[in-house]
């Protein structure tokens, strides 16, 4: 769950405070794949540092 607003400029996607999403894969070159609203997005995982709360692992 997001604990802040996150703007993912590469995908023109905004994740708002409280939005829940799944991290589906950790990729090479510090990239992460997430699933939000049944859509998959890939972006730099540094964007998530300090911005999310894990609800389960």
C-alpha atoms as a PDB file:
ATOM      1  CA  UNK A   1       0.000   0.000   0.000  1.00  0.00           C
ATOM      2  CA  UNK A   2       1.253   3.443  -0.826  1.00  0.00           C
ATOM      3  CA  UNK A   3       1.905   5.737   2.128  1.00  0.00           C
ATOM      4  CA  UNK A   4       2.369   8.773  -0.099  1.00  0.00           C
ATOM      5  CA  UNK A   5       1.459   9.970  -3.590  1.00  0.00           C
ATOM      6  CA  UNK A   6       3.820   8.526  -6.232  1.00  0.00           C
ATOM      7  CA  UNK A   7       4.100   9.919  -9.753  1.00  0.00           C
ATOM      8  CA  UNK A   8       5.504   7.424 -12.260  1.00  0.00           C
ATOM      9  CA  UNK A   9       6.382   9.743 -15.110  1.00  0.00           C
ATOM     10  CA  UNK A  10       7.585   7.031 -17.514  1.00  0.00           C
ATOM     11  CA  UNK A  11       4.119   5.462 -17.549  1.00  0.00           C
ATOM     12  CA  UNK A  12       2.122   8.626 -16.899  1.00  0.00           C
ATOM     13  CA  UNK A  13       0.726   6.858 -13.816  1.00  0.00           C
ATOM     14  CA  UNK A  14      -0.071   8.288 -10.408  1.00  0.00           C
ATOM     15  CA  UNK A  15      -0.395   6.092  -7.331  1.00  0.00           C
ATOM     16  CA  UNK A  16      -2.272   7.881  -4.566  1.00  0.00           C
ATOM     17  CA  UNK A  17      -1.950   7.601  -0.790  1.00  0.00           C
ATOM     18  CA  UNK A  18      -3.677   4.383   0.323  1.00  0.00           C
ATOM     19  CA  UNK A  19      -3.722   2.722  -3.119  1.00  0.00           C
ATOM     20  CA  UNK A  20      -2.948  -0.990  -2.969  1.00  0.00           C
ATOM     21  CA  UNK A  21      -0.894  -2.740  -5.653  1.00  0.00           C
ATOM     22  CA  UNK A  22       1.170  -5.900  -6.050  1.00  0.00           C
ATOM     23  CA  UNK A  23       4.884  -6.029  -6.749  1.00  0.00           C
ATOM     24  CA  UNK A  24       4.914  -8.922  -9.207  1.00  0.00           C
ATOM     25  CA  UNK A  25       8.598  -9.080 -10.158  1.00  0.00           C
ATOM     26  CA  UNK A  26      12.007  -7.588  -9.370  1.00  0.00           C
ATOM     27  CA  UNK A  27      13.880  -7.207 -12.640  1.00  0.00           C
ATOM     28  CA  UNK A  28      17.448  -6.435 -13.692  1.00  0.00           C
ATOM     29  CA  UNK A  29      18.800  -2.878 -13.703  1.00  0.00           C
ATOM     30  CA  UNK A  30      16.932  -1.924 -10.520  1.00  0.00           C
ATOM     31  CA  UNK A  31      13.498  -2.212 -12.171  1.00  0.00           C
ATOM     32  CA  UNK A  32      10.287  -3.469 -10.556  1.00  0.00           C
ATOM     33  CA  UNK A  33       7.054  -4.689 -12.111  1.00  0.00           C
ATOM     34  CA  UNK A  34       3.803  -3.860 -10.324  1.00  0.00           C
ATOM     35  CA  UNK A  35       0.178  -4.776 -10.981  1.00  0.00           C
ATOM     36  CA  UNK A  36      -2.362  -1.997 -10.400  1.00  0.00           C
ATOM     37  CA  UNK A  37      -5.996  -2.136 -11.548  1.00  0.00           C
ATOM     38  CA  UNK A  38      -5.279  -5.305 -13.569  1.00  0.00           C
ATOM     39  CA  UNK A  39      -2.520  -3.547 -15.552  1.00  0.00           C
ATOM     40  CA  UNK A  40       1.221  -4.188 -15.374  1.00  0.00           C
ATOM     41  CA  UNK A  41       3.796  -1.377 -15.085  1.00  0.00           C
ATOM     42  CA  UNK A  42       7.612  -1.439 -14.992  1.00  0.00           C
ATOM     43  CA  UNK A  43       9.647   1.341 -13.420  1.00  0.00           C
ATOM     44  CA  UNK A  44      12.749   2.139 -11.375  1.00  0.00           C
ATOM     45  CA  UNK A  45      12.368   0.635  -7.903  1.00  0.00           C
ATOM     46  CA  UNK A  46      14.013   3.639  -6.214  1.00  0.00           C
ATOM     47  CA  UNK A  47      10.654   5.367  -6.667  1.00  0.00           C
ATOM     48  CA  UNK A  48       9.208   3.019  -4.022  1.00  0.00           C
ATOM     49  CA  UNK A  49      11.934   3.475  -1.405  1.00  0.00           C
ATOM     50  CA  UNK A  50      10.183   4.800   1.693  1.00  0.00           C
ATOM     51  CA  UNK A  51       6.912   5.271  -0.162  1.00  0.00           C
ATOM     52  CA  UNK A  52       5.149   1.954   0.511  1.00  0.00           C
ATOM     53  CA  UNK A  53       3.942  -0.194   3.372  1.00  0.00           C
ATOM     54  CA  UNK A  54       3.989  -3.974   2.895  1.00  0.00           C
ATOM     55  CA  UNK A  55       0.604  -5.474   3.786  1.00  0.00           C
ATOM     56  CA  UNK A  56       1.882  -9.049   3.335  1.00  0.00           C
ATOM     57  CA  UNK A  57       4.888 -10.884   1.893  1.00  0.00           C
END
